[in-house]
Amino acid sequence: SYTGLYNYITFYLLAPPYLFSQSTVAAITVFYVFGIGSSLWGAMLTKHLPLRTLVPMALTLMLLGLCATLHPDVGIILAGIALFTFGFFATHTLCSNWLATLVQAPKALVTAVYLCCYYLGASTLGAFSGIGWDSGGWPAVVQLHALLLCLALALSLWLAWQSLSKSPQPSQ
């Protein structure tokens, strides 16, 4: 979803009614800075909350940010991109950590497989977003990625439920 948003939000903001210049649209990548903050935020929160709670929270931030880009006010669109970006980098960091705790395999192997799947998905779905763009413009791109984020959120909640059901129960 991250690649899809950044690939196609540019077309949306270059077109009427926004008519951003190429350099203004390119400046949106400054929101990547939020990734630094969200990675630190995620690491800090792992001391207080389990990953099974944090991953769905971060995915929800992405979904909220994505939906905000549908608002006609450019300030809200930009805030949505910033929130989406913050949520993405947190999700990326937290998922990588969570996967390492869920899979009983060498951490280097788990990380390598995670990154391979991440880049394969980013490339495929980032390009696939063009079908949404061609069929319905920005709202269709948002629908596609909202669906993907809802699936990721459902999977994270299912994994959280699975990890809770497997944890030792307190003796009574």
Protein backbone atom coordinates (compact mmCIF):
# COMPACT_ATOMS: atom_id res chain seq x y z
CA SER A 1 0.00 0.00 0.00
CA TYR A 2 2.87 2.35 0.75
CA THR A 3 4.31 2.01 -2.75
CA GLY A 4 0.86 2.32 -4.31
CA LEU A 5 0.04 5.47 -2.38
CA TYR A 6 3.27 7.20 -3.27
CA ASN A 7 3.10 6.04 -6.91
CA TYR A 8 -0.39 7.41 -7.53
CA ILE A 9 -0.93 10.32 -5.13
CA THR A 10 1.34 12.30 -7.43
CA PHE A 11 -1.07 11.92 -10.36
CA TYR A 12 -3.95 12.93 -8.10
CA LEU A 13 -2.22 16.08 -6.85
CA LEU A 14 -0.93 17.10 -10.29
CA ALA A 15 -4.48 17.08 -11.68
CA PRO A 16 -7.28 19.60 -11.07
CA PRO A 17 -8.37 20.88 -8.62
CA TYR A 18 -4.95 20.78 -6.90
CA LEU A 19 -2.57 21.38 -9.82
CA PHE A 20 0.56 20.90 -7.72
CA SER A 21 3.83 21.51 -9.54
CA GLN A 22 6.23 18.62 -10.13
CA SER A 23 8.62 19.98 -7.51
CA THR A 24 5.83 20.34 -4.92
CA VAL A 25 4.68 16.78 -5.52
CA ALA A 26 8.29 15.58 -5.23
CA ALA A 27 8.59 17.43 -1.91
CA ILE A 28 5.93 15.14 -0.44
CA THR A 29 8.69 12.57 0.04
CA VAL A 30 9.81 14.74 2.97
CA PHE A 31 7.13 12.80 4.86
CA TYR A 32 9.58 9.88 4.89
CA VAL A 33 11.07 11.68 7.90
CA PHE A 34 8.05 10.47 9.84
CA GLY A 35 9.46 6.99 9.37
CA ILE A 36 12.32 7.80 11.71
CA GLY A 37 9.91 8.94 14.39
CA SER A 38 7.55 6.03 13.98
CA SER A 39 10.33 3.46 14.16
CA LEU A 40 11.47 5.02 17.43
CA TRP A 41 7.84 5.24 18.61
CA GLY A 42 7.32 1.56 17.86
CA ALA A 43 10.53 0.53 19.61
CA MET A 44 9.60 2.61 22.66
CA LEU A 45 6.10 1.15 22.86
CA THR A 46 7.33 -2.45 22.65
CA LYS A 47 8.58 -1.94 26.20
CA HIS A 48 5.00 -1.35 27.36
CA LEU A 49 2.72 -3.15 24.89
CA PRO A 50 2.95 -6.48 23.09
CA LEU A 51 3.56 -6.61 19.35
CA ARG A 52 0.15 -8.28 18.90
CA THR A 53 -1.37 -4.97 20.06
CA LEU A 54 1.03 -2.60 18.31
CA VAL A 55 0.83 -4.07 14.81
CA PRO A 56 -2.97 -3.64 14.52
CA MET A 57 -2.60 -0.10 15.95
CA ALA A 58 -0.01 0.83 13.32
CA LEU A 59 -2.10 -0.69 10.52
CA THR A 60 -5.08 1.33 11.75
CA LEU A 61 -3.00 4.51 11.53
CA MET A 62 -2.19 3.63 7.92
CA LEU A 63 -5.86 3.04 7.14
CA LEU A 64 -6.94 6.32 8.77
CA GLY A 65 -4.25 8.24 6.88
CA LEU A 66 -5.22 6.60 3.61
CA CYS A 67 -8.90 7.47 4.10
CA ALA A 68 -7.99 11.08 4.95
CA THR A 69 -6.56 11.48 1.44
CA LEU A 70 -10.12 11.31 0.10
CA HIS A 71 -11.00 14.60 1.78
CA PRO A 72 -11.05 17.55 -0.64
CA ASP A 73 -8.99 19.84 1.63
CA VAL A 74 -5.31 19.69 0.64
CA GLY A 75 -4.20 20.17 4.26
CA ILE A 76 -6.12 17.08 5.32
CA ILE A 77 -4.76 15.15 2.33
CA LEU A 78 -1.20 16.03 3.33
CA ALA A 79 -1.89 15.19 6.99
CA GLY A 80 -3.32 11.87 5.78
CA ILE A 81 -0.16 11.14 3.79
CA ALA A 82 1.93 11.97 6.86
CA LEU A 83 -0.19 9.72 9.12
CA PHE A 84 -0.14 6.93 6.55
CA THR A 85 3.65 7.20 6.26
CA PHE A 86 4.07 7.22 10.05
CA GLY A 87 1.86 4.14 10.32
CA PHE A 88 3.66 2.37 7.49
CA PHE A 89 7.14 2.68 8.94
CA ALA A 90 5.86 1.62 12.35
CA THR A 91 4.06 -1.36 10.80
CA HIS A 92 7.12 -2.37 8.79
CA THR A 93 9.38 -2.31 11.85
CA LEU A 94 6.88 -3.98 14.18
CA CYS A 95 5.94 -6.73 11.70
CA SER A 96 9.55 -7.62 11.15
CA ASN A 97 10.04 -7.93 14.91
CA TRP A 98 6.79 -9.80 15.45
CA LEU A 99 7.52 -12.29 12.71
CA ALA A 100 10.88 -13.06 14.31
CA THR A 101 9.04 -13.97 17.52
CA LEU A 102 6.34 -16.05 15.79
CA VAL A 103 8.50 -18.22 13.52
CA GLN A 104 10.81 -20.83 14.97
CA ALA A 105 13.66 -20.38 12.49
CA PRO A 106 16.97 -18.54 12.43
CA LYS A 107 16.28 -14.80 12.68
CA ALA A 108 18.46 -14.02 9.66
CA LEU A 109 16.39 -16.41 7.53
CA VAL A 110 13.10 -14.98 8.84
CA THR A 111 14.28 -11.44 8.12
CA ALA A 112 15.46 -12.38 4.62
CA VAL A 113 12.16 -14.07 3.73
CA TYR A 114 10.19 -11.14 5.20
CA LEU A 115 12.13 -8.59 3.16
CA CYS A 116 11.88 -10.68 -0.01
CA CYS A 117 8.09 -10.91 0.40
CA TYR A 118 7.88 -7.22 1.28
CA TYR A 119 9.73 -6.10 -1.87
CA LEU A 120 7.87 -8.58 -4.07
CA GLY A 121 4.55 -7.32 -2.70
CA ALA A 122 5.56 -3.67 -2.94
CA SER A 123 6.59 -4.08 -6.57
CA THR A 124 3.56 -6.10 -7.60
CA LEU A 125 0.90 -4.20 -5.68
CA GLY A 126 2.52 -0.84 -6.36
CA ALA A 127 2.17 -1.52 -10.07
CA PHE A 128 -1.25 -3.15 -9.65
CA SER A 129 -2.50 0.15 -8.21
CA GLY A 130 -2.50 1.40 -11.77
CA ILE A 131 -5.53 -0.75 -12.49
CA GLY A 132 -7.35 1.11 -9.75
CA TRP A 133 -6.15 4.44 -11.10
CA ASP A 134 -7.27 3.58 -14.64
CA SER A 135 -10.67 2.32 -13.51
CA GLY A 136 -11.65 5.04 -11.05
CA GLY A 137 -8.86 7.46 -10.27
CA TRP A 138 -7.72 8.19 -6.73
CA PRO A 139 -10.87 6.90 -4.98
CA ALA A 140 -10.38 3.49 -6.64
CA VAL A 141 -6.72 3.42 -5.57
CA VAL A 142 -7.81 4.20 -2.00
CA GLN A 143 -10.45 1.45 -2.12
CA LEU A 144 -7.90 -1.09 -3.33
CA HIS A 145 -5.40 -0.22 -0.64
CA ALA A 146 -8.05 0.07 2.07
CA LEU A 147 -9.07 -3.49 1.20
CA LEU A 148 -5.45 -4.65 1.42
CA LEU A 149 -4.97 -2.87 4.75
CA CYS A 150 -8.19 -4.38 6.10
CA LEU A 151 -6.92 -7.83 5.11
CA ALA A 152 -3.59 -7.13 6.83
CA LEU A 153 -5.46 -5.86 9.90
CA ALA A 154 -7.66 -8.97 9.98
CA LEU A 155 -4.59 -11.19 9.67
CA SER A 156 -2.79 -9.33 12.46
CA LEU A 157 -5.84 -9.66 14.73
CA TRP A 158 -6.10 -13.36 13.93
CA LEU A 159 -2.39 -13.83 14.72
CA ALA A 160 -2.85 -11.88 17.95
CA TRP A 161 -5.78 -14.10 18.89
CA GLN A 162 -3.74 -17.20 18.03
CA SER A 163 -0.84 -16.06 20.19
CA LEU A 164 -3.19 -15.32 23.08
CA SER A 165 -4.83 -18.73 22.83
CA LYS A 166 -1.42 -20.43 22.91
CA SER A 167 -0.02 -18.46 25.85
CA PRO A 168 0.03 -20.21 29.18
CA GLN A 169 -3.05 -19.55 31.28
CA PRO A 170 -2.58 -18.42 34.88
CA SER A 171 -3.19 -21.17 37.40
CA GLN A 172 -6.18 -20.77 39.68
